Amino acid sequence: MNISNGLEDVYIKNTSITFIDGEKGILRYRGYDIHELAENCTFEEVAYLMIFGELPSRNELVSFSGTVQKSFSLPSYVLNVIDALPQDADILSVFETAFAAFSSEERNFSWSREATLAKAPEILGHAAAVLAAAYRHSQGLKYNPPPASDSYAKSFLSASFGAVPERKIVDAMNRSLVLYADHEVPASTTAALVASSTLSDMYSSIAAAVAALRGPLHGGAAEAAYRQFTEIGRAENTDEWFSKNIIQGKKRLMGFGHRVYRTYDPRMAIFKSMAASLAKDEEERNLLRIAERLERLGVEKFSPKGIYPNTDFYSGIAFRCIGFPVTMFTSLFALSRTAGWIAHMSEYVENGGRIMRPRAVYIGHGPRELPGEKAR
């Protein structure tokens, strides 16, 4: 039998959510180009677009955003779970644990279009509040819920940092959320689909997605790319580091390559531009110079094989410039991707998707007999 290792090129669902052309470097949500959405839309509008299928009218957006904001308040048992975890716990694990805790109240959840439309804004509100609480916990700071505002990104940043950030920081956070909101069915979305195909509740299914996202080959790639920049240290060290580590095959070039794209990831250029506009001190500008030099070296070596920088190459620098430590990068990915997970799960289950039950080809022993002392 033909085995597709990693399920590469295996199609598991029809979708009207996200279109990717890996050869031309095109990414669209519901038909809209990612560049236009990142430049002109709020994350709330994009989340609504993904879940409802169309961009919201003014009144629809006000109603949707209002429901999201009502869910910025967290129940005491979820806050107690977060507080009970070690301060140095992996922040994404805290996020996952909190969502698993929410699932304890979902005994009567039943998938339907009405349930999705009611539950989606609640989950988006809880996601922002949980991640802000997890971040504050990691910093040894008291948690304050996200305040109501005209922007999901602003509310989340205000809760995280304890103050309203300047406009360009809010705009950068908003663009980041839009850029990471969905990418068809990578590992984390597939994990969410597997869980939801059993008719498990939304919170449990998102916890499954977060568990898959934690790996360095998926959500952790931005963190790994950023750490290689800090390892290089100075821009003038880049060529020597590349020669010793990449040319000689000692390490992988993190933030390069993608299972779908054979050209530049269209999100990468936006993150690169954001990082360049946000870099405010010598340390951040130095990181940017390292990344730019490493990008050139990587493209020279790997582009003939169709390997180019992906969205994670520059996103860590942008997150650093926004104000977050490297330990938050993957969790910020999760916050954004929650919208895409909800959209794909509801699309699959509501369209009659079957429980996922793949098979494995057995290659072990044939019939065997127990040794004499074990036989009955």
Protein backbone atom coordinates (compact mmCIF):
# COMPACT_ATOMS: atom_id res chain seq x y z
CA MET A 1 0.00 0.00 0.00
CA ASN A 2 1.04 3.60 -0.54
CA ILE A 3 1.79 5.34 2.75
CA SER A 4 1.71 9.12 2.84
CA ASN A 5 4.26 9.89 5.55
CA GLY A 6 3.08 13.05 7.30
CA LEU A 7 -0.19 12.95 5.28
CA GLU A 8 1.52 15.03 2.60
CA ASP A 9 -0.84 15.82 -0.28
CA VAL A 10 -3.69 13.93 1.41
CA TYR A 11 -6.92 15.92 1.14
CA ILE A 12 -9.18 15.53 4.19
CA LYS A 13 -11.92 18.09 3.55
CA ASN A 14 -13.42 20.62 1.18
CA THR A 15 -13.07 24.19 2.36
CA SER A 16 -14.21 27.66 1.37
CA ILE A 17 -12.11 29.34 4.07
CA THR A 18 -8.50 29.59 2.92
CA PHE A 19 -6.89 29.34 -0.52
CA ILE A 20 -3.16 28.77 -0.96
CA ASP A 21 -1.15 28.69 -4.18
CA GLY A 22 2.23 27.45 -3.03
CA GLU A 23 3.90 27.95 -6.41
CA LYS A 24 2.87 31.60 -6.80
CA GLY A 25 2.94 32.56 -3.11
CA ILE A 26 -0.76 33.47 -2.87
CA LEU A 27 -2.81 33.34 0.33
CA ARG A 28 -6.47 34.35 0.51
CA TYR A 29 -9.10 34.20 3.24
CA ARG A 30 -12.59 33.70 1.77
CA GLY A 31 -11.26 35.10 -1.52
CA TYR A 32 -9.58 38.21 -0.04
CA ASP A 33 -5.82 38.61 -0.49
CA ILE A 34 -3.83 38.45 2.74
CA HIS A 35 -2.03 41.73 2.00
CA GLU A 36 -5.30 43.64 1.66
CA LEU A 37 -6.74 42.11 4.82
CA ALA A 38 -3.61 42.78 6.89
CA GLU A 39 -3.46 46.38 5.72
CA ASN A 40 -7.14 47.30 5.92
CA CYS A 41 -9.05 45.04 8.33
CA THR A 42 -9.21 44.45 12.05
CA PHE A 43 -8.76 41.00 13.50
CA GLU A 44 -12.40 41.06 14.58
CA GLU A 45 -13.49 41.62 10.98
CA VAL A 46 -11.26 38.79 9.75
CA ALA A 47 -12.46 36.40 12.48
CA TYR A 48 -16.06 37.24 11.56
CA LEU A 49 -15.23 36.69 7.87
CA MET A 50 -13.81 33.25 8.57
CA ILE A 51 -16.62 32.06 10.81
CA PHE A 52 -19.61 33.68 9.11
CA GLY A 53 -18.31 33.65 5.53
CA GLU A 54 -18.58 37.39 4.78
CA LEU A 55 -17.10 40.60 6.09
CA PRO A 56 -19.42 42.14 8.69
CA SER A 57 -21.55 45.21 8.26
CA ARG A 58 -21.03 47.98 10.80
CA ASN A 59 -23.92 46.74 12.96
CA GLU A 60 -22.81 43.12 12.69
CA LEU A 61 -19.29 44.05 13.75
CA VAL A 62 -20.53 46.04 16.75
CA SER A 63 -22.68 43.11 17.87
CA PHE A 64 -19.91 40.54 17.34
CA SER A 65 -17.25 42.65 19.07
CA GLY A 66 -19.59 43.32 21.96
CA THR A 67 -20.09 39.60 22.53
CA VAL A 68 -16.33 39.02 22.36
CA GLN A 69 -15.74 41.72 24.97
CA LYS A 70 -18.35 40.24 27.33
CA SER A 71 -16.16 37.12 27.43
CA PHE A 72 -13.02 38.99 28.51
CA SER A 73 -14.00 38.12 32.07
CA LEU A 74 -12.68 34.72 33.21
CA PRO A 75 -14.42 32.44 35.74
CA SER A 76 -12.66 32.05 39.05
CA TYR A 77 -11.91 28.35 38.53
CA VAL A 78 -9.92 29.11 35.35
CA LEU A 79 -7.95 31.85 37.11
CA ASN A 80 -7.30 29.45 39.98
CA VAL A 81 -5.96 26.86 37.54
CA ILE A 82 -3.60 29.43 36.02
CA ASP A 83 -2.45 30.66 39.44
CA ALA A 84 -1.79 27.07 40.58
CA LEU A 85 0.70 26.45 37.78
CA PRO A 86 4.41 27.24 38.22
CA GLN A 87 5.40 30.77 37.27
CA ASP A 88 7.98 29.39 34.84
CA ALA A 89 5.51 27.00 33.19
CA ASP A 90 5.45 27.04 29.40
CA ILE A 91 2.95 29.78 28.54
CA LEU A 92 1.34 27.81 25.74
CA SER A 93 0.84 24.90 28.14
CA VAL A 94 -0.95 27.29 30.49
CA PHE A 95 -3.16 28.34 27.57
CA GLU A 96 -3.89 24.67 26.77
CA THR A 97 -4.62 23.83 30.41
CA ALA A 98 -7.04 26.74 30.74
CA PHE A 99 -8.98 25.62 27.67
CA ALA A 100 -9.13 22.09 29.03
CA ALA A 101 -10.55 23.58 32.23
CA PHE A 102 -13.24 25.41 30.24
CA SER A 103 -14.25 22.10 28.69
CA SER A 104 -15.41 20.88 32.11
CA GLU A 105 -18.53 23.02 31.65
CA GLU A 106 -19.30 21.76 28.14
CA ARG A 107 -21.20 18.61 29.09
CA ASN A 108 -24.23 19.54 26.98
CA PHE A 109 -22.43 21.03 23.96
CA SER A 110 -23.87 19.95 20.63
CA TRP A 111 -22.49 21.02 17.26
CA SER A 112 -24.79 23.12 15.11
CA ARG A 113 -24.54 26.34 13.14
CA GLU A 114 -26.37 28.17 15.91
CA ALA A 115 -24.02 26.77 18.56
CA THR A 116 -20.97 27.82 16.54
CA LEU A 117 -22.20 31.36 16.03
CA ALA A 118 -22.94 31.70 19.74
CA LYS A 119 -19.79 29.99 20.99
CA ALA A 120 -17.22 31.52 18.61
CA PRO A 121 -17.14 35.09 20.02
CA GLU A 122 -17.14 33.68 23.56
CA ILE A 123 -14.06 31.58 22.79
CA LEU A 124 -12.26 34.49 21.12
CA GLY A 125 -12.87 36.65 24.18
CA HIS A 126 -11.72 33.92 26.54
CA ALA A 127 -8.61 33.30 24.42
CA ALA A 128 -7.41 36.90 24.77
CA ALA A 129 -8.13 36.94 28.49
CA VAL A 130 -6.47 33.56 29.12
CA LEU A 131 -3.30 34.48 27.26
CA ALA A 132 -3.04 37.87 28.99
CA ALA A 133 -3.51 36.11 32.34
CA ALA A 134 -0.91 33.46 31.45
CA TYR A 135 1.59 36.12 30.39
CA ARG A 136 1.06 38.20 33.55
CA HIS A 137 1.41 35.04 35.64
CA SER A 138 4.74 34.27 33.95
CA GLN A 139 5.95 37.76 34.86
CA GLY A 140 4.79 37.51 38.48
CA LEU A 141 2.24 40.26 37.90
CA LYS A 142 -1.36 40.64 39.01
CA TYR A 143 -3.93 39.90 36.31
CA ASN A 144 -6.43 42.46 35.11
CA PRO A 145 -8.99 41.45 32.47
CA PRO A 146 -8.79 43.01 29.00
CA PRO A 147 -10.71 46.29 28.98
CA ALA A 148 -13.44 46.94 26.45
CA SER A 149 -12.05 49.00 23.59
CA ASP A 150 -12.39 49.61 19.86
CA SER A 151 -9.81 46.89 19.13
CA TYR A 152 -9.28 43.27 20.13
CA ALA A 153 -5.53 43.81 19.75
CA LYS A 154 -5.61 46.89 21.97
CA SER A 155 -7.62 45.15 24.67
CA PHE A 156 -5.25 42.18 24.70
CA LEU A 157 -2.12 44.35 24.82
CA SER A 158 -3.58 46.58 27.53
CA ALA A 159 -4.32 43.53 29.70
CA SER A 160 -0.87 42.07 29.03
CA PHE A 161 1.20 45.20 29.63
CA GLY A 162 -1.03 46.99 32.13
CA ALA A 163 -1.25 50.12 29.99
CA VAL A 164 -2.66 51.17 26.63
CA PRO A 165 0.16 50.85 24.06
CA GLU A 166 0.84 53.40 21.35
CA ARG A 167 -1.09 53.18 18.09
CA LYS A 168 1.67 51.68 15.95
CA ILE A 169 2.09 48.81 18.44
CA VAL A 170 -1.65 48.11 18.38
CA ASP A 171 -1.64 48.20 14.57
CA ALA A 172 1.29 45.77 14.47
CA MET A 173 -0.43 43.38 16.87
CA ASN A 174 -3.60 43.54 14.80
CA ARG A 175 -1.70 42.72 11.59
CA SER A 176 0.05 39.82 13.33
CA LEU A 177 -3.29 38.38 14.41
CA VAL A 178 -4.63 38.67 10.86
CA LEU A 179 -1.53 37.06 9.33
CA TYR A 180 -1.60 34.02 11.62
CA ALA A 181 -5.40 33.61 11.70
CA ASP A 182 -5.48 30.63 9.35
CA HIS A 183 -3.44 28.55 6.93
CA GLU A 184 -5.72 25.76 5.71
CA VAL A 185 -5.06 22.43 7.53
CA PRO A 186 -1.58 22.28 9.09
CA ALA A 187 -0.89 19.99 12.06
CA SER A 188 -2.76 22.00 14.69
CA THR A 189 -5.87 22.47 12.57
CA THR A 190 -5.81 18.78 11.68
CA ALA A 191 -5.63 17.93 15.38
CA ALA A 192 -8.65 20.18 16.01
CA LEU A 193 -10.52 18.47 13.17
CA VAL A 194 -9.74 15.00 14.50
CA ALA A 195 -11.05 15.95 17.96
CA SER A 196 -14.14 17.74 16.68
CA SER A 197 -14.93 14.90 14.25
CA THR A 198 -15.75 12.83 17.34
CA LEU A 199 -18.21 15.59 18.31
CA SER A 200 -16.01 16.62 21.21
CA ASP A 201 -16.71 20.17 22.40
CA MET A 202 -14.99 23.28 21.02
CA TYR A 203 -12.81 23.95 24.05
CA SER A 204 -11.46 20.38 24.12
CA SER A 205 -10.85 20.47 20.38
CA ILE A 206 -8.92 23.73 20.67
CA ALA A 207 -6.87 22.24 23.50
CA ALA A 208 -5.97 19.41 21.09
CA ALA A 209 -4.94 21.97 18.48
CA VAL A 210 -2.78 23.84 20.99
CA ALA A 211 -1.03 20.60 21.95
CA ALA A 212 -0.08 20.09 18.29
CA LEU A 213 0.96 23.73 17.90
CA ARG A 214 3.49 23.46 20.72
CA GLY A 215 6.02 21.56 18.64
CA PRO A 216 9.08 23.41 17.28
CA LEU A 217 8.29 22.24 13.74
CA HIS A 218 4.92 24.06 13.81
CA GLY A 219 4.12 26.95 16.14
CA GLY A 220 7.55 26.86 17.76
CA ALA A 221 9.30 27.76 14.51
CA ALA A 222 9.17 31.53 15.17
CA GLU A 223 10.82 31.00 18.52
CA ALA A 224 13.49 28.77 16.96
CA ALA A 225 14.19 31.29 14.19
CA TYR A 226 14.54 34.11 16.70
CA ARG A 227 16.89 32.09 18.90
CA GLN A 228 19.23 31.50 15.96
CA PHE A 229 19.48 35.27 15.48
CA THR A 230 20.43 35.72 19.12
CA GLU A 231 22.92 32.86 18.82
CA ILE A 232 24.65 34.64 15.93
CA GLY A 233 24.84 37.73 18.11
CA ARG A 234 26.12 40.34 15.68
CA ALA A 235 25.40 40.94 12.01
CA GLU A 236 29.09 40.62 11.13
CA ASN A 237 29.07 37.05 12.51
CA THR A 238 26.33 35.86 10.17
CA ASP A 239 28.43 34.58 7.26
CA GLU A 240 30.75 32.57 9.50
CA TRP A 241 27.81 31.12 11.48
CA PHE A 242 26.04 30.17 8.25
CA SER A 243 29.14 28.47 6.87
CA LYS A 244 29.88 26.48 10.05
CA ASN A 245 26.31 25.50 10.86
CA ILE A 246 24.24 25.45 7.69
CA ILE A 247 26.72 24.76 4.90
CA GLN A 248 28.32 21.98 6.95
CA GLY A 249 24.90 20.55 7.80
CA LYS A 250 25.16 20.82 11.58
CA LYS A 251 21.87 22.70 11.94
CA ARG A 252 18.66 23.44 10.09
CA LEU A 253 18.04 26.99 8.96
CA MET A 254 14.97 27.79 11.05
CA GLY A 255 12.25 29.91 9.48
CA PHE A 256 13.09 28.55 6.01
CA GLY A 257 11.02 26.10 4.01
CA HIS A 258 7.36 25.18 3.97
CA ARG A 259 5.36 22.07 3.12
CA VAL A 260 3.15 24.11 0.77
CA TYR A 261 5.10 27.12 -0.50
CA ARG A 262 7.82 26.77 -3.12
CA THR A 263 8.45 30.49 -3.17
CA TYR A 264 8.33 33.29 -0.60
CA ASP A 265 5.58 32.92 1.99
CA PRO A 266 3.38 36.00 1.30
CA ARG A 267 3.09 36.72 5.03
CA MET A 268 6.86 36.92 5.45
CA ALA A 269 7.28 40.23 3.63
CA ILE A 270 4.61 41.85 5.82
CA PHE A 271 6.29 40.69 9.03
CA LYS A 272 9.64 41.88 7.68
CA SER A 273 8.22 45.33 6.96
CA MET A 274 6.62 45.44 10.42
CA ALA A 275 9.88 44.51 12.12
CA ALA A 276 11.75 47.19 10.17
CA SER A 277 9.24 49.89 11.07
CA LEU A 278 9.06 48.90 14.75
CA ALA A 279 12.76 48.36 15.55
CA LYS A 280 13.47 51.16 18.01
CA ASP A 281 16.88 50.46 19.54
CA GLU A 282 20.24 49.11 18.49
CA GLU A 283 19.56 45.60 19.76
CA GLU A 284 16.40 45.25 17.69
CA ARG A 285 18.03 46.81 14.63
CA ASN A 286 20.95 44.41 15.04
CA LEU A 287 18.55 41.43 15.08
CA LEU A 288 16.96 42.75 11.92
CA ARG A 289 20.35 43.09 10.19
CA ILE A 290 21.22 39.51 11.15
CA ALA A 291 17.90 38.26 9.78
CA GLU A 292 18.29 40.19 6.54
CA ARG A 293 21.80 38.86 5.97
CA LEU A 294 20.74 35.32 6.87
CA GLU A 295 17.79 35.61 4.50
CA ARG A 296 20.11 36.53 1.61
CA LEU A 297 22.48 33.65 2.37
CA GLY A 298 19.61 31.20 2.75
CA VAL A 299 17.93 32.24 -0.49
CA GLU A 300 21.24 31.95 -2.38
CA LYS A 301 21.72 28.39 -1.15
CA PHE A 302 18.21 26.99 -0.94
CA SER A 303 16.02 28.81 -3.50
CA PRO A 304 17.05 26.42 -6.33
CA LYS A 305 15.33 23.72 -4.26
CA GLY A 306 12.19 25.85 -3.80
CA ILE A 307 13.06 26.65 -0.18
CA TYR A 308 12.42 30.25 0.91
CA PRO A 309 11.76 32.14 4.17
CA ASN A 310 8.38 31.44 5.73
CA THR A 311 6.21 33.61 7.97
CA ASP A 312 8.11 32.58 11.11
CA PHE A 313 11.44 34.00 9.94
CA TYR A 314 10.69 37.63 10.85
CA SER A 315 7.60 37.33 13.06
CA GLY A 316 9.66 36.80 16.22
CA ILE A 317 11.47 40.10 15.71
CA ALA A 318 8.11 41.82 15.20
CA PHE A 319 6.76 40.26 18.42
CA ARG A 320 9.91 41.34 20.26
CA CYS A 321 9.43 44.91 19.01
CA ILE A 322 5.79 44.83 20.16
CA GLY A 323 7.12 44.05 23.62
CA PHE A 324 6.86 40.30 24.18
CA PRO A 325 9.63 37.91 25.22
CA VAL A 326 10.52 34.89 23.10
CA THR A 327 8.55 32.63 25.46
CA MET A 328 5.32 34.25 24.20
CA PHE A 329 5.83 33.85 20.45
CA THR A 330 4.06 30.51 19.98
CA SER A 331 1.22 31.54 22.28
CA LEU A 332 0.59 34.64 20.17
CA PHE A 333 0.31 32.30 17.20
CA ALA A 334 -2.31 30.31 19.14
CA LEU A 335 -4.30 33.41 20.02
CA SER A 336 -4.58 34.31 16.36
CA ARG A 337 -5.14 30.80 15.01
CA THR A 338 -8.09 30.23 17.36
CA ALA A 339 -10.26 31.96 14.75
CA GLY A 340 -9.13 29.59 12.01
CA TRP A 341 -9.58 26.52 14.20
CA ILE A 342 -13.17 27.48 14.98
CA ALA A 343 -13.93 28.14 11.31
CA HIS A 344 -12.49 24.83 10.09
CA MET A 345 -14.06 22.74 12.84
CA SER A 346 -17.51 24.18 12.26
CA GLU A 347 -17.16 23.85 8.48
CA TYR A 348 -16.22 20.19 8.81
CA VAL A 349 -18.72 19.06 11.44
CA GLU A 350 -21.67 21.11 10.18
CA ASN A 351 -21.18 19.74 6.66
CA GLY A 352 -21.50 16.17 7.89
CA GLY A 353 -17.81 15.34 8.24
CA ARG A 354 -17.27 11.77 9.38
CA ILE A 355 -15.25 10.75 12.40
CA MET A 356 -11.62 10.54 11.33
CA ARG A 357 -10.39 6.97 11.51
CA PRO A 358 -7.33 6.33 9.32
CA ARG A 359 -5.67 2.93 9.06
CA ALA A 360 -2.14 1.67 9.52
CA VAL A 361 -0.39 -1.02 7.46
CA TYR A 362 0.73 -3.82 9.77
CA ILE A 363 4.38 -4.83 9.25
CA GLY A 364 4.99 -6.80 12.46
CA HIS A 365 5.21 -10.50 13.32
CA GLY A 366 2.83 -13.09 11.93
CA PRO A 367 0.98 -15.45 14.31
CA ARG A 368 3.09 -16.37 17.33
CA GLU A 369 2.70 -18.71 20.29
CA LEU A 370 3.44 -17.81 23.88
CA PRO A 371 6.48 -19.56 25.41
CA GLY A 372 5.67 -22.71 27.35
CA GLU A 373 5.70 -21.16 30.82
CA LYS A 374 3.15 -18.55 29.67
CA ALA A 375 0.84 -20.88 27.78
CA ARG A 376 -2.40 -21.92 29.45
